[in-house]
């Protein structure tokens, strides 16, 4: 009986309509992707500086870098977090965006090495 119930639950979940449209106010997909690329590069730069012993100086340079990133895309951290939360409810869509993020980071790395 439990197996039948589990199969029915699985089928109902698989046939469901998904989480529906993105909530109003979420960032466009391309903007979100570019913010994720920038965020990963900022984090990597900060980790590199820490691992090589380069002093970070006064203040929080990562916070300033994130503020600049948001400003360059006409948004703020609240909109970014809300969009990330909306995508977190859509794991397949989030995975697809992250695949594009990885592709873009690798493209930039290859371009920088040339």
C-alpha atoms as a PDB file:
ATOM      1  CA  UNK A   1       0.000   0.000   0.000  1.00  0.00           C
ATOM      2  CA  UNK A   2       2.820   2.412   0.836  1.00  0.00           C
ATOM      3  CA  UNK A   3       4.437   1.765  -2.539  1.00  0.00           C
ATOM      4  CA  UNK A   4       1.195   2.547  -4.332  1.00  0.00           C
ATOM      5  CA  UNK A   5       0.777   5.738  -2.311  1.00  0.00           C
ATOM      6  CA  UNK A   6       4.381   6.729  -3.010  1.00  0.00           C
ATOM      7  CA  UNK A   7       3.886   6.085  -6.739  1.00  0.00           C
ATOM      8  CA  UNK A   8       0.714   8.175  -6.786  1.00  0.00           C
ATOM      9  CA  UNK A   9       2.437  11.022  -4.921  1.00  0.00           C
ATOM     10  CA  UNK A  10       5.381  10.892  -7.322  1.00  0.00           C
ATOM     11  CA  UNK A  11       3.080  10.928 -10.352  1.00  0.00           C
ATOM     12  CA  UNK A  12       1.080  13.840  -8.971  1.00  0.00           C
ATOM     13  CA  UNK A  13       4.245  15.805  -8.299  1.00  0.00           C
ATOM     14  CA  UNK A  14       5.719  15.029 -11.716  1.00  0.00           C
ATOM     15  CA  UNK A  15       2.536  16.052 -13.508  1.00  0.00           C
ATOM     16  CA  UNK A  16       2.073  19.228 -11.525  1.00  0.00           C
ATOM     17  CA  UNK A  17       2.193  22.584 -13.224  1.00  0.00           C
ATOM     18  CA  UNK A  18       5.313  23.670 -11.389  1.00  0.00           C
ATOM     19  CA  UNK A  19       5.654  26.734  -9.216  1.00  0.00           C
ATOM     20  CA  UNK A  20       3.970  29.049 -11.718  1.00  0.00           C
ATOM     21  CA  UNK A  21       5.266  32.340 -13.089  1.00  0.00           C
ATOM     22  CA  UNK A  22       8.095  34.244 -11.471  1.00  0.00           C
ATOM     23  CA  UNK A  23       6.870  36.633  -8.774  1.00  0.00           C
ATOM     24  CA  UNK A  24       6.426  40.250  -9.755  1.00  0.00           C
ATOM     25  CA  UNK A  25       9.529  42.325  -9.125  1.00  0.00           C
ATOM     26  CA  UNK A  26      12.072  39.599  -9.842  1.00  0.00           C
ATOM     27  CA  UNK A  27      14.970  40.596 -12.036  1.00  0.00           C
ATOM     28  CA  UNK A  28      15.109  39.613 -15.708  1.00  0.00           C
ATOM     29  CA  UNK A  29      16.945  36.330 -16.276  1.00  0.00           C
ATOM     30  CA  UNK A  30      19.878  37.948 -18.126  1.00  0.00           C
ATOM     31  CA  UNK A  31      20.371  40.518 -15.380  1.00  0.00           C
ATOM     32  CA  UNK A  32      20.227  37.801 -12.737  1.00  0.00           C
ATOM     33  CA  UNK A  33      22.775  35.752 -14.671  1.00  0.00           C
ATOM     34  CA  UNK A  34      25.166  38.697 -14.985  1.00  0.00           C
ATOM     35  CA  UNK A  35      24.810  39.446 -11.273  1.00  0.00           C
ATOM     36  CA  UNK A  36      25.637  35.823 -10.451  1.00  0.00           C
ATOM     37  CA  UNK A  37      28.702  35.945 -12.711  1.00  0.00           C
ATOM     38  CA  UNK A  38      29.836  39.151 -11.026  1.00  0.00           C
ATOM     39  CA  UNK A  39      29.144  37.796  -7.551  1.00  0.00           C
ATOM     40  CA  UNK A  40      31.217  34.688  -8.201  1.00  0.00           C
ATOM     41  CA  UNK A  41      34.098  36.752  -9.554  1.00  0.00           C
ATOM     42  CA  UNK A  42      33.989  39.102  -6.552  1.00  0.00           C
ATOM     43  CA  UNK A  43      33.963  36.154  -4.147  1.00  0.00           C
ATOM     44  CA  UNK A  44      36.813  34.427  -6.004  1.00  0.00           C
ATOM     45  CA  UNK A  45      38.878  37.609  -5.947  1.00  0.00           C
ATOM     46  CA  UNK A  46      38.317  37.975  -2.206  1.00  0.00           C
ATOM     47  CA  UNK A  47      39.279  34.350  -1.562  1.00  0.00           C
ATOM     48  CA  UNK A  48      42.384  34.755  -3.695  1.00  0.00           C
ATOM     49  CA  UNK A  49      43.463  37.836  -1.750  1.00  0.00           C
ATOM     50  CA  UNK A  50      42.969  36.028   1.553  1.00  0.00           C
ATOM     51  CA  UNK A  51      44.768  32.872   0.450  1.00  0.00           C
ATOM     52  CA  UNK A  52      47.786  34.789  -0.838  1.00  0.00           C
ATOM     53  CA  UNK A  53      48.023  36.985   2.243  1.00  0.00           C
ATOM     54  CA  UNK A  54      47.265  40.217   0.415  1.00  0.00           C
ATOM     55  CA  UNK A  55      45.915  42.688   2.938  1.00  0.00           C
ATOM     56  CA  UNK A  56      42.340  43.682   2.256  1.00  0.00           C
ATOM     57  CA  UNK A  57      42.886  47.164   3.611  1.00  0.00           C
ATOM     58  CA  UNK A  58      40.375  49.212   5.527  1.00  0.00           C
ATOM     59  CA  UNK A  59      36.681  48.754   5.177  1.00  0.00           C
ATOM     60  CA  UNK A  60      35.064  45.988   3.201  1.00  0.00           C
ATOM     61  CA  UNK A  61      36.186  46.047  -0.417  1.00  0.00           C
ATOM     62  CA  UNK A  62      33.860  43.161  -1.262  1.00  0.00           C
ATOM     63  CA  UNK A  63      30.855  45.120  -0.037  1.00  0.00           C
ATOM     64  CA  UNK A  64      31.894  48.063  -2.226  1.00  0.00           C
ATOM     65  CA  UNK A  65      32.388  45.716  -5.179  1.00  0.00           C
ATOM     66  CA  UNK A  66      28.896  44.265  -4.684  1.00  0.00           C
ATOM     67  CA  UNK A  67      27.421  47.769  -4.427  1.00  0.00           C
ATOM     68  CA  UNK A  68      29.125  48.669  -7.721  1.00  0.00           C
ATOM     69  CA  UNK A  69      27.874  45.458  -9.326  1.00  0.00           C
ATOM     70  CA  UNK A  70      24.289  46.162  -8.294  1.00  0.00           C
ATOM     71  CA  UNK A  71      24.537  49.801  -9.411  1.00  0.00           C
ATOM     72  CA  UNK A  72      25.931  48.780 -12.810  1.00  0.00           C
ATOM     73  CA  UNK A  73      22.803  46.697 -13.356  1.00  0.00           C
ATOM     74  CA  UNK A  74      20.386  49.230 -11.884  1.00  0.00           C
ATOM     75  CA  UNK A  75      19.338  47.094  -8.937  1.00  0.00           C
ATOM     76  CA  UNK A  76      20.153  46.366  -5.306  1.00  0.00           C
ATOM     77  CA  UNK A  77      20.871  43.447  -3.002  1.00  0.00           C
ATOM     78  CA  UNK A  78      17.215  43.118  -1.963  1.00  0.00           C
ATOM     79  CA  UNK A  79      16.064  42.550  -5.558  1.00  0.00           C
ATOM     80  CA  UNK A  80      18.930  40.116  -6.103  1.00  0.00           C
ATOM     81  CA  UNK A  81      18.041  38.129  -2.970  1.00  0.00           C
ATOM     82  CA  UNK A  82      14.343  38.081  -3.901  1.00  0.00           C
ATOM     83  CA  UNK A  83      15.175  36.832  -7.389  1.00  0.00           C
ATOM     84  CA  UNK A  84      17.524  34.185  -6.008  1.00  0.00           C
ATOM     85  CA  UNK A  85      14.790  33.020  -3.634  1.00  0.00           C
ATOM     86  CA  UNK A  86      12.302  32.803  -6.533  1.00  0.00           C
ATOM     87  CA  UNK A  87      14.752  30.706  -8.557  1.00  0.00           C
ATOM     88  CA  UNK A  88      15.474  28.523  -5.518  1.00  0.00           C
ATOM     89  CA  UNK A  89      11.820  27.452  -5.721  1.00  0.00           C
ATOM     90  CA  UNK A  90      12.526  26.441  -9.346  1.00  0.00           C
ATOM     91  CA  UNK A  91      15.605  24.222  -9.124  1.00  0.00           C
ATOM     92  CA  UNK A  92      15.575  23.240 -12.809  1.00  0.00           C
ATOM     93  CA  UNK A  93      15.539  26.884 -13.880  1.00  0.00           C
ATOM     94  CA  UNK A  94      18.219  27.770 -11.332  1.00  0.00           C
ATOM     95  CA  UNK A  95      20.402  24.948 -12.617  1.00  0.00           C
ATOM     96  CA  UNK A  96      19.988  26.211 -16.186  1.00  0.00           C
ATOM     97  CA  UNK A  97      20.999  29.740 -15.135  1.00  0.00           C
ATOM     98  CA  UNK A  98      24.036  28.392 -13.272  1.00  0.00           C
ATOM     99  CA  UNK A  99      25.102  26.432 -16.353  1.00  0.00           C
ATOM    100  CA  UNK A 100      25.074  29.726 -18.271  1.00  0.00           C
ATOM    101  CA  UNK A 101      27.005  31.393 -15.430  1.00  0.00           C
ATOM    102  CA  UNK A 102      29.677  28.714 -15.546  1.00  0.00           C
ATOM    103  CA  UNK A 103      29.918  28.974 -19.340  1.00  0.00           C
ATOM    104  CA  UNK A 104      30.345  32.753 -19.097  1.00  0.00           C
ATOM    105  CA  UNK A 105      33.006  32.542 -16.374  1.00  0.00           C
ATOM    106  CA  UNK A 106      34.961  29.977 -18.401  1.00  0.00           C
ATOM    107  CA  UNK A 107      34.629  32.131 -21.528  1.00  0.00           C
ATOM    108  CA  UNK A 108      36.020  35.133 -19.673  1.00  0.00           C
ATOM    109  CA  UNK A 109      38.873  33.056 -18.261  1.00  0.00           C
ATOM    110  CA  UNK A 110      39.802  31.770 -21.711  1.00  0.00           C
ATOM    111  CA  UNK A 111      39.577  35.283 -23.141  1.00  0.00           C
ATOM    112  CA  UNK A 112      41.857  36.634 -20.409  1.00  0.00           C
ATOM    113  CA  UNK A 113      44.463  33.938 -21.090  1.00  0.00           C
ATOM    114  CA  UNK A 114      44.770  34.922 -24.750  1.00  0.00           C
END
